[in-house]
Amino acid sequence: MQPISIADPQAILELLSQVALKGEGVKTDNLMEFVMDEGFMEPIYLSAKGEDPEAYYQGEANAWAVYQLREWKRVLIISGGPGKERRLQITETP
């Protein structure tokens, strides 16, 4: 997958709704619902990069491996990749 950056909240949620994460660690059939459950209701920026054979976009394997989502001062990062356990990190910027 090619790296992407999106700054439109509606487009971010639409893209996340089409991503499913399988494998070890963080798993979900709908990344948008997962992100909202973590409290990110109105994300303002998303970047995604890398390739993960256990991540799916529109039902196709090899979606992005690393997702960085920003909602004002909060940042959510989901990282994984081939042979890695997918992890979640939430931080606040100053």
PDB file of N, CA and C in Angstrom:
ATOM      1  N   MET A   1       0.847  -1.184   0.000  1.00  0.00           N
ATOM      2  CA  MET A   1       0.000   0.000   0.000  1.00  0.00           C
ATOM      3  C   MET A   1       0.887   1.239   0.000  1.00  0.00           C
ATOM      4  N   GLN A   2       0.457   2.209  -0.725  1.00  0.00           N
ATOM      5  CA  GLN A   2       1.156   3.486  -0.746  1.00  0.00           C
ATOM      6  C   GLN A   2       0.835   4.256   0.541  1.00  0.00           C
ATOM      7  N   PRO A   3       1.811   4.980   1.092  1.00  0.00           N
ATOM      8  CA  PRO A   3       1.528   5.811   2.266  1.00  0.00           C
ATOM      9  C   PRO A   3       0.441   6.831   1.939  1.00  0.00           C
ATOM     10  N   ILE A   4      -0.403   7.127   2.925  1.00  0.00           N
ATOM     11  CA  ILE A   4      -1.451   8.122   2.724  1.00  0.00           C
ATOM     12  C   ILE A   4      -1.480   9.090   3.896  1.00  0.00           C
ATOM     13  N   SER A   5      -1.997  10.274   3.633  1.00  0.00           N
ATOM     14  CA  SER A   5      -2.250  11.289   4.660  1.00  0.00           C
ATOM     15  C   SER A   5      -3.595  11.909   4.333  1.00  0.00           C
ATOM     16  N   ILE A   6      -4.449  12.003   5.335  1.00  0.00           N
ATOM     17  CA  ILE A   6      -5.786  12.572   5.146  1.00  0.00           C
ATOM     18  C   ILE A   6      -6.044  13.564   6.264  1.00  0.00           C
ATOM     19  N   ALA A   7      -6.589  14.732   5.923  1.00  0.00           N
ATOM     20  CA  ALA A   7      -6.895  15.758   6.916  1.00  0.00           C
ATOM     21  C   ALA A   7      -8.388  16.093   6.961  1.00  0.00           C
ATOM     22  N   ASP A   8      -9.225  15.303   6.317  1.00  0.00           N
ATOM     23  CA  ASP A   8     -10.673  15.513   6.319  1.00  0.00           C
ATOM     24  C   ASP A   8     -11.318  14.493   7.263  1.00  0.00           C
ATOM     25  N   PRO A   9     -11.929  14.947   8.373  1.00  0.00           N
ATOM     26  CA  PRO A   9     -12.492  14.014   9.354  1.00  0.00           C
ATOM     27  C   PRO A   9     -13.445  12.975   8.761  1.00  0.00           C
ATOM     28  N   GLN A  10     -14.324  13.380   7.866  1.00  0.00           N
ATOM     29  CA  GLN A  10     -15.277  12.431   7.278  1.00  0.00           C
ATOM     30  C   GLN A  10     -14.558  11.390   6.419  1.00  0.00           C
ATOM     31  N   ALA A  11     -13.577  11.819   5.645  1.00  0.00           N
ATOM     32  CA  ALA A  11     -12.808  10.888   4.808  1.00  0.00           C
ATOM     33  C   ALA A  11     -12.000   9.920   5.674  1.00  0.00           C
ATOM     34  N   ILE A  12     -11.495  10.406   6.805  1.00  0.00           N
ATOM     35  CA  ILE A  12     -10.740   9.539   7.730  1.00  0.00           C
ATOM     36  C   ILE A  12     -11.642   8.421   8.250  1.00  0.00           C
ATOM     37  N   LEU A  13     -12.812   8.777   8.749  1.00  0.00           N
ATOM     38  CA  LEU A  13     -13.727   7.781   9.295  1.00  0.00           C
ATOM     39  C   LEU A  13     -14.188   6.798   8.220  1.00  0.00           C
ATOM     40  N   GLU A  14     -14.409   7.295   7.014  1.00  0.00           N
ATOM     41  CA  GLU A  14     -14.820   6.416   5.916  1.00  0.00           C
ATOM     42  C   GLU A  14     -13.730   5.401   5.597  1.00  0.00           C
ATOM     43  N   LEU A  15     -12.482   5.847   5.523  1.00  0.00           N
ATOM     44  CA  LEU A  15     -11.379   4.936   5.240  1.00  0.00           C
ATOM     45  C   LEU A  15     -11.237   3.912   6.367  1.00  0.00           C
ATOM     46  N   LEU A  16     -11.272   4.366   7.616  1.00  0.00           N
ATOM     47  CA  LEU A  16     -11.121   3.457   8.752  1.00  0.00           C
ATOM     48  C   LEU A  16     -12.228   2.412   8.795  1.00  0.00           C
ATOM     49  N   SER A  17     -13.415   2.770   8.323  1.00  0.00           N
ATOM     50  CA  SER A  17     -14.529   1.814   8.339  1.00  0.00           C
ATOM     51  C   SER A  17     -14.289   0.660   7.372  1.00  0.00           C
ATOM     52  N   GLN A  18     -13.341   0.808   6.463  1.00  0.00           N
ATOM     53  CA  GLN A  18     -13.049  -0.218   5.467  1.00  0.00           C
ATOM     54  C   GLN A  18     -11.790  -1.019   5.790  1.00  0.00           C
ATOM     55  N   VAL A  19     -11.246  -0.822   7.014  1.00  0.00           N
ATOM     56  CA  VAL A  19     -10.028  -1.517   7.432  1.00  0.00           C
ATOM     57  C   VAL A  19     -10.366  -2.538   8.517  1.00  0.00           C
ATOM     58  N   ALA A  20      -9.856  -3.760   8.343  1.00  0.00           N
ATOM     59  CA  ALA A  20      -9.974  -4.823   9.352  1.00  0.00           C
ATOM     60  C   ALA A  20      -8.562  -5.286   9.703  1.00  0.00           C
ATOM     61  N   LEU A  21      -8.335  -5.526  10.978  1.00  0.00           N
ATOM     62  CA  LEU A  21      -7.021  -5.969  11.446  1.00  0.00           C
ATOM     63  C   LEU A  21      -7.151  -7.355  12.059  1.00  0.00           C
ATOM     64  N   LYS A  22      -6.373  -8.288  11.550  1.00  0.00           N
ATOM     65  CA  LYS A  22      -6.361  -9.675  12.045  1.00  0.00           C
ATOM     66  C   LYS A  22      -4.986  -9.957  12.632  1.00  0.00           C
ATOM     67  N   GLY A  23      -4.731 -11.195  13.051  1.00  0.00           N
ATOM     68  CA  GLY A  23      -3.407 -11.572  13.532  1.00  0.00           C
ATOM     69  C   GLY A  23      -3.246 -11.365  15.023  1.00  0.00           C
ATOM     70  N   GLU A  24      -2.006 -11.149  15.445  1.00  0.00           N
ATOM     71  CA  GLU A  24      -1.663 -11.002  16.856  1.00  0.00           C
ATOM     72  C   GLU A  24      -1.785  -9.553  17.314  1.00  0.00           C
ATOM     73  N   GLY A  25      -2.174  -9.368  18.568  1.00  0.00           N
ATOM     74  CA  GLY A  25      -2.263  -8.026  19.142  1.00  0.00           C
ATOM     75  C   GLY A  25      -3.607  -7.387  18.850  1.00  0.00           C
ATOM     76  N   VAL A  26      -3.594  -6.114  18.518  1.00  0.00           N
ATOM     77  CA  VAL A  26      -4.820  -5.357  18.243  1.00  0.00           C
ATOM     78  C   VAL A  26      -5.528  -5.976  17.045  1.00  0.00           C
ATOM     79  N   LYS A  27      -6.810  -6.334  17.241  1.00  0.00           N
ATOM     80  CA  LYS A  27      -7.616  -6.922  16.167  1.00  0.00           C
ATOM     81  C   LYS A  27      -8.964  -6.229  16.140  1.00  0.00           C
ATOM     82  N   THR A  28      -9.518  -6.073  14.949  1.00  0.00           N
ATOM     83  CA  THR A  28     -10.857  -5.520  14.814  1.00  0.00           C
ATOM     84  C   THR A  28     -11.385  -5.799  13.414  1.00  0.00           C
ATOM     85  N   ASP A  29     -12.684  -5.946  13.300  1.00  0.00           N
ATOM     86  CA  ASP A  29     -13.303  -6.105  11.991  1.00  0.00           C
ATOM     87  C   ASP A  29     -13.610  -4.755  11.366  1.00  0.00           C
ATOM     88  N   ASN A  30     -13.561  -3.687  12.181  1.00  0.00           N
ATOM     89  CA  ASN A  30     -13.873  -2.349  11.699  1.00  0.00           C
ATOM     90  C   ASN A  30     -13.026  -1.357  12.495  1.00  0.00           C
ATOM     91  N   LEU A  31     -11.983  -0.829  11.881  1.00  0.00           N
ATOM     92  CA  LEU A  31     -11.061   0.057  12.589  1.00  0.00           C
ATOM     93  C   LEU A  31     -11.736   1.349  13.033  1.00  0.00           C
ATOM     94  N   MET A  32     -12.735   1.828  12.310  1.00  0.00           N
ATOM     95  CA  MET A  32     -13.440   3.044  12.721  1.00  0.00           C
ATOM     96  C   MET A  32     -14.109   2.828  14.080  1.00  0.00           C
ATOM     97  N   GLU A  33     -14.804   1.707  14.252  1.00  0.00           N
ATOM     98  CA  GLU A  33     -15.464   1.437  15.526  1.00  0.00           C
ATOM     99  C   GLU A  33     -14.443   1.296  16.650  1.00  0.00           C
ATOM    100  N   PHE A  34     -13.325   0.640  16.376  1.00  0.00           N
ATOM    101  CA  PHE A  34     -12.271   0.480  17.373  1.00  0.00           C
ATOM    102  C   PHE A  34     -11.741   1.834  17.821  1.00  0.00           C
ATOM    103  N   VAL A  35     -11.457   2.719  16.857  1.00  0.00           N
ATOM    104  CA  VAL A  35     -10.917   4.052  17.144  1.00  0.00           C
ATOM    105  C   VAL A  35     -11.930   4.864  17.955  1.00  0.00           C
ATOM    106  N   MET A  36     -13.192   4.769  17.595  1.00  0.00           N
ATOM    107  CA  MET A  36     -14.222   5.502  18.333  1.00  0.00           C
ATOM    108  C   MET A  36     -14.368   4.955  19.750  1.00  0.00           C
ATOM    109  N   ASP A  37     -14.247   3.647  19.922  1.00  0.00           N
ATOM    110  CA  ASP A  37     -14.291   3.050  21.264  1.00  0.00           C
ATOM    111  C   ASP A  37     -13.137   3.553  22.129  1.00  0.00           C
ATOM    112  N   GLU A  38     -12.027   3.924  21.505  1.00  0.00           N
ATOM    113  CA  GLU A  38     -10.877   4.467  22.229  1.00  0.00           C
ATOM    114  C   GLU A  38     -11.043   5.969  22.505  1.00  0.00           C
ATOM    115  N   GLY A  39     -12.170   6.574  22.080  1.00  0.00           N
ATOM    116  CA  GLY A  39     -12.469   7.968  22.379  1.00  0.00           C
ATOM    117  C   GLY A  39     -12.103   8.961  21.295  1.00  0.00           C
ATOM    118  N   PHE A  40     -11.727   8.497  20.121  1.00  0.00           N
ATOM    119  CA  PHE A  40     -11.369   9.387  19.014  1.00  0.00           C
ATOM    120  C   PHE A  40     -12.583   9.540  18.110  1.00  0.00           C
ATOM    121  N   MET A  41     -13.457  10.497  18.451  1.00  0.00           N
ATOM    122  CA  MET A  41     -14.722  10.671  17.748  1.00  0.00           C
ATOM    123  C   MET A  41     -14.624  11.586  16.528  1.00  0.00           C
ATOM    124  N   GLU A  42     -13.703  12.545  16.562  1.00  0.00           N
ATOM    125  CA  GLU A  42     -13.563  13.502  15.458  1.00  0.00           C
ATOM    126  C   GLU A  42     -12.093  13.663  15.085  1.00  0.00           C
ATOM    127  N   PRO A  43     -11.495  12.643  14.480  1.00  0.00           N
ATOM    128  CA  PRO A  43     -10.079  12.742  14.116  1.00  0.00           C
ATOM    129  C   PRO A  43      -9.864  13.828  13.070  1.00  0.00           C
ATOM    130  N   ILE A  44      -8.742  14.537  13.202  1.00  0.00           N
ATOM    131  CA  ILE A  44      -8.460  15.624  12.261  1.00  0.00           C
ATOM    132  C   ILE A  44      -7.327  15.284  11.301  1.00  0.00           C
ATOM    133  N   TYR A  45      -6.602  14.200  11.562  1.00  0.00           N
ATOM    134  CA  TYR A  45      -5.489  13.832  10.691  1.00  0.00           C
ATOM    135  C   TYR A  45      -5.219  12.331  10.801  1.00  0.00           C
ATOM    136  N   LEU A  46      -4.951  11.711   9.666  1.00  0.00           N
ATOM    137  CA  LEU A  46      -4.583  10.295   9.621  1.00  0.00           C
ATOM    138  C   LEU A  46      -3.421  10.130   8.659  1.00  0.00           C
ATOM    139  N   SER A  47      -2.422   9.383   9.092  1.00  0.00           N
ATOM    140  CA  SER A  47      -1.385   8.934   8.156  1.00  0.00           C
ATOM    141  C   SER A  47      -1.273   7.427   8.336  1.00  0.00           C
ATOM    142  N   ALA A  48      -1.040   6.747   7.233  1.00  0.00           N
ATOM    143  CA  ALA A  48      -0.888   5.296   7.257  1.00  0.00           C
ATOM    144  C   ALA A  48       0.237   4.936   6.302  1.00  0.00           C
ATOM    145  N   LYS A  49       1.052   3.952   6.717  1.00  0.00           N
ATOM    146  CA  LYS A  49       2.182   3.564   5.881  1.00  0.00           C
ATOM    147  C   LYS A  49       2.539   2.109   6.136  1.00  0.00           C
ATOM    148  N   GLY A  50       3.443   1.596   5.345  1.00  0.00           N
ATOM    149  CA  GLY A  50       3.884   0.222   5.487  1.00  0.00           C
ATOM    150  C   GLY A  50       2.883  -0.754   4.914  1.00  0.00           C
ATOM    151  N   GLU A  51       3.172  -2.026   5.073  1.00  0.00           N
ATOM    152  CA  GLU A  51       2.292  -3.066   4.547  1.00  0.00           C
ATOM    153  C   GLU A  51       2.225  -4.220   5.524  1.00  0.00           C
ATOM    154  N   ASP A  52       1.013  -4.676   5.811  1.00  0.00           N
ATOM    155  CA  ASP A  52       0.788  -5.756   6.760  1.00  0.00           C
ATOM    156  C   ASP A  52      -0.129  -6.792   6.100  1.00  0.00           C
ATOM    157  N   PRO A  53       0.348  -8.029   5.909  1.00  0.00           N
ATOM    158  CA  PRO A  53      -0.479  -9.048   5.256  1.00  0.00           C
ATOM    159  C   PRO A  53      -1.697  -9.460   6.076  1.00  0.00           C
ATOM    160  N   GLU A  54      -1.739  -9.084   7.368  1.00  0.00           N
ATOM    161  CA  GLU A  54      -2.891  -9.421   8.195  1.00  0.00           C
ATOM    162  C   GLU A  54      -3.790  -8.214   8.450  1.00  0.00           C
ATOM    163  N   ALA A  55      -3.600  -7.168   7.663  1.00  0.00           N
ATOM    164  CA  ALA A  55      -4.489  -6.002   7.683  1.00  0.00           C
ATOM    165  C   ALA A  55      -5.210  -5.975   6.337  1.00  0.00           C
ATOM    166  N   TYR A  56      -6.490  -5.665   6.371  1.00  0.00           N
ATOM    167  CA  TYR A  56      -7.309  -5.728   5.162  1.00  0.00           C
ATOM    168  C   TYR A  56      -7.977  -4.382   4.896  1.00  0.00           C
ATOM    169  N   TYR A  57      -7.942  -3.964   3.643  1.00  0.00           N
ATOM    170  CA  TYR A  57      -8.635  -2.743   3.208  1.00  0.00           C
ATOM    171  C   TYR A  57      -9.616  -3.147   2.120  1.00  0.00           C
ATOM    172  N   GLN A  58     -10.879  -2.855   2.321  1.00  0.00           N
ATOM    173  CA  GLN A  58     -11.951  -3.239   1.408  1.00  0.00           C
ATOM    174  C   GLN A  58     -11.913  -4.736   1.121  1.00  0.00           C
ATOM    175  N   GLY A  59     -11.596  -5.525   2.145  1.00  0.00           N
ATOM    176  CA  GLY A  59     -11.585  -6.969   2.026  1.00  0.00           C
ATOM    177  C   GLY A  59     -10.331  -7.564   1.403  1.00  0.00           C
ATOM    178  N   GLU A  60      -9.404  -6.727   0.966  1.00  0.00           N
ATOM    179  CA  GLU A  60      -8.170  -7.191   0.335  1.00  0.00           C
ATOM    180  C   GLU A  60      -7.018  -7.136   1.331  1.00  0.00           C
ATOM    181  N   ALA A  61      -6.193  -8.182   1.350  1.00  0.00           N
ATOM    182  CA  ALA A  61      -5.051  -8.258   2.273  1.00  0.00           C
ATOM    183  C   ALA A  61      -3.964  -7.256   1.900  1.00  0.00           C
ATOM    184  N   ASN A  62      -3.033  -7.085   2.815  1.00  0.00           N
ATOM    185  CA  ASN A  62      -1.875  -6.195   2.662  1.00  0.00           C
ATOM    186  C   ASN A  62      -2.237  -4.722   2.754  1.00  0.00           C
ATOM    187  N   ALA A  63      -3.050  -4.384   3.749  1.00  0.00           N
ATOM    188  CA  ALA A  63      -3.324  -2.964   4.009  1.00  0.00           C
ATOM    189  C   ALA A  63      -2.130  -2.391   4.781  1.00  0.00           C
ATOM    190  N   TRP A  64      -2.266  -1.191   5.272  1.00  0.00           N
ATOM    191  CA  TRP A  64      -1.172  -0.486   5.936  1.00  0.00           C
ATOM    192  C   TRP A  64      -0.797  -1.151   7.265  1.00  0.00           C
ATOM    193  N   ALA A  65       0.452  -0.994   7.649  1.00  0.00           N
ATOM    194  CA  ALA A  65       0.961  -1.599   8.887  1.00  0.00           C
ATOM    195  C   ALA A  65       0.934  -0.627  10.055  1.00  0.00           C
ATOM    196  N   VAL A  66       1.079   0.671   9.786  1.00  0.00           N
ATOM    197  CA  VAL A  66       1.149   1.684  10.843  1.00  0.00           C
ATOM    198  C   VAL A  66       0.110   2.769  10.563  1.00  0.00           C
ATOM    199  N   TYR A  67      -0.709   3.039  11.575  1.00  0.00           N
ATOM    200  CA  TYR A  67      -1.744   4.072  11.492  1.00  0.00           C
ATOM    201  C   TYR A  67      -1.474   5.089  12.584  1.00  0.00           C
ATOM    202  N   GLN A  68      -1.395   6.364  12.198  1.00  0.00           N
ATOM    203  CA  GLN A  68      -1.247   7.432  13.186  1.00  0.00           C
ATOM    204  C   GLN A  68      -2.443   8.353  13.014  1.00  0.00           C
ATOM    205  N   LEU A  69      -3.209   8.498  14.088  1.00  0.00           N
ATOM    206  CA  LEU A  69      -4.450   9.259  14.062  1.00  0.00           C
ATOM    207  C   LEU A  69      -4.362  10.368  15.093  1.00  0.00           C
ATOM    208  N   ARG A  70      -4.716  11.582  14.698  1.00  0.00           N
ATOM    209  CA  ARG A  70      -4.658  12.718  15.617  1.00  0.00           C
ATOM    210  C   ARG A  70      -6.054  13.304  15.794  1.00  0.00           C
ATOM    211  N   GLU A  71      -6.358  13.593  17.069  1.00  0.00           N
ATOM    212  CA  GLU A  71      -7.574  14.334  17.404  1.00  0.00           C
ATOM    213  C   GLU A  71      -7.144  15.428  18.365  1.00  0.00           C
ATOM    214  N   TRP A  72      -6.905  16.600  17.818  1.00  0.00           N
ATOM    215  CA  TRP A  72      -6.392  17.751  18.534  1.00  0.00           C
ATOM    216  C   TRP A  72      -5.083  17.407  19.229  1.00  0.00           C
ATOM    217  N   LYS A  73      -5.040  17.307  20.552  1.00  0.00           N
ATOM    218  CA  LYS A  73      -3.773  17.038  21.241  1.00  0.00           C
ATOM    219  C   LYS A  73      -3.519  15.552  21.469  1.00  0.00           C
ATOM    220  N   ARG A  74      -4.478  14.716  21.170  1.00  0.00           N
ATOM    221  CA  ARG A  74      -4.321  13.277  21.389  1.00  0.00           C
ATOM    222  C   ARG A  74      -3.886  12.590  20.101  1.00  0.00           C
ATOM    223  N   VAL A  75      -3.019  11.594  20.259  1.00  0.00           N
ATOM    224  CA  VAL A  75      -2.518  10.828  19.112  1.00  0.00           C
ATOM    225  C   VAL A  75      -2.665   9.342  19.423  1.00  0.00           C
ATOM    226  N   LEU A  76      -3.227   8.608  18.470  1.00  0.00           N
ATOM    227  CA  LEU A  76      -3.363   7.165  18.574  1.00  0.00           C
ATOM    228  C   LEU A  76      -2.491   6.544  17.491  1.00  0.00           C
ATOM    229  N   ILE A  77      -1.651   5.601  17.879  1.00  0.00           N
ATOM    230  CA  ILE A  77      -0.793   4.913  16.918  1.00  0.00           C
ATOM    231  C   ILE A  77      -1.042   3.418  17.050  1.00  0.00           C
ATOM    232  N   ILE A  78      -1.348   2.800  15.928  1.00  0.00           N
ATOM    233  CA  ILE A  78      -1.450   1.348  15.849  1.00  0.00           C
ATOM    234  C   ILE A  78      -0.335   0.913  14.916  1.00  0.00           C
ATOM    235  N   SER A  79       0.547   0.058  15.418  1.00  0.00           N
ATOM    236  CA  SER A  79       1.673  -0.374  14.585  1.00  0.00           C
ATOM    237  C   SER A  79       1.772  -1.884  14.584  1.00  0.00           C
ATOM    238  N   GLY A  80       2.173  -2.416  13.457  1.00  0.00           N
ATOM    239  CA  GLY A  80       2.333  -3.850  13.281  1.00  0.00           C
ATOM    240  C   GLY A  80       3.179  -4.095  12.048  1.00  0.00           C
ATOM    241  N   GLY A  81       2.955  -5.188  11.418  1.00  0.00           N
ATOM    242  CA  GLY A  81       3.696  -5.536  10.216  1.00  0.00           C
ATOM    243  C   GLY A  81       3.934  -7.024  10.159  1.00  0.00           C
ATOM    244  N   PRO A  82       4.528  -7.490   9.092  1.00  0.00           N
ATOM    245  CA  PRO A  82       4.763  -8.929   8.943  1.00  0.00           C
ATOM    246  C   PRO A  82       5.554  -9.501  10.115  1.00  0.00           C
ATOM    247  N   GLY A  83       4.985 -10.510  10.760  1.00  0.00           N
ATOM    248  CA  GLY A  83       5.676 -11.172  11.858  1.00  0.00           C
ATOM    249  C   GLY A  83       5.710 -10.401  13.165  1.00  0.00           C
ATOM    250  N   LYS A  84       5.014  -9.265  13.242  1.00  0.00           N
ATOM    251  CA  LYS A  84       5.012  -8.457  14.467  1.00  0.00           C
ATOM    252  C   LYS A  84       3.630  -8.471  15.111  1.00  0.00           C
ATOM    253  N   GLU A  85       3.619  -8.406  16.433  1.00  0.00           N
ATOM    254  CA  GLU A  85       2.354  -8.253  17.142  1.00  0.00           C
ATOM    255  C   GLU A  85       1.919  -6.798  17.012  1.00  0.00           C
ATOM    256  N   ARG A  86       0.664  -6.585  16.630  1.00  0.00           N
ATOM    257  CA  ARG A  86       0.145  -5.229  16.453  1.00  0.00           C
ATOM    258  C   ARG A  86      -0.071  -4.593  17.818  1.00  0.00           C
ATOM    259  N   ARG A  87       0.396  -3.357  17.966  1.00  0.00           N
ATOM    260  CA  ARG A  87       0.330  -2.659  19.257  1.00  0.00           C
ATOM    261  C   ARG A  87      -0.425  -1.347  19.133  1.00  0.00           C
ATOM    262  N   LEU A  88      -0.940  -0.887  20.252  1.00  0.00           N
ATOM    263  CA  LEU A  88      -1.689   0.370  20.352  1.00  0.00           C
ATOM    264  C   LEU A  88      -0.971   1.274  21.330  1.00  0.00           C
ATOM    265  N   GLN A  89      -0.856   2.551  20.966  1.00  0.00           N
ATOM    266  CA  GLN A  89      -0.277   3.546  21.871  1.00  0.00           C
ATOM    267  C   GLN A  89      -1.096   4.825  21.737  1.00  0.00           C
ATOM    268  N   ILE A  90      -1.487   5.403  22.864  1.00  0.00           N
ATOM    269  CA  ILE A  90      -2.192   6.677  22.874  1.00  0.00           C
ATOM    270  C   ILE A  90      -1.386   7.653  23.705  1.00  0.00           C
ATOM    271  N   THR A  91      -1.112   8.831  23.134  1.00  0.00           N
ATOM    272  CA  THR A  91      -0.351   9.856  23.840  1.00  0.00           C
ATOM    273  C   THR A  91      -1.052  11.204  23.673  1.00  0.00           C
ATOM    274  N   GLU A  92      -0.615  12.161  24.501  1.00  0.00           N
ATOM    275  CA  GLU A  92      -1.088  13.537  24.375  1.00  0.00           C
ATOM    276  C   GLU A  92       0.093  14.427  24.095  1.00  0.00           C
ATOM    277  N   THR A  93      -0.071  15.316  23.135  1.00  0.00           N
ATOM    278  CA  THR A  93       1.005  16.254  22.820  1.00  0.00           C
ATOM    279  C   THR A  93       0.815  17.505  23.671  1.00  0.00           C
ATOM    280  N   PRO A  94       1.894  18.223  23.940  1.00  0.00           N
ATOM    281  CA  PRO A  94       1.791  19.434  24.776  1.00  0.00           C
ATOM    282  C   PRO A  94       0.992  20.537  24.107  1.00  0.00           C
TER     283      PRO A  94
END
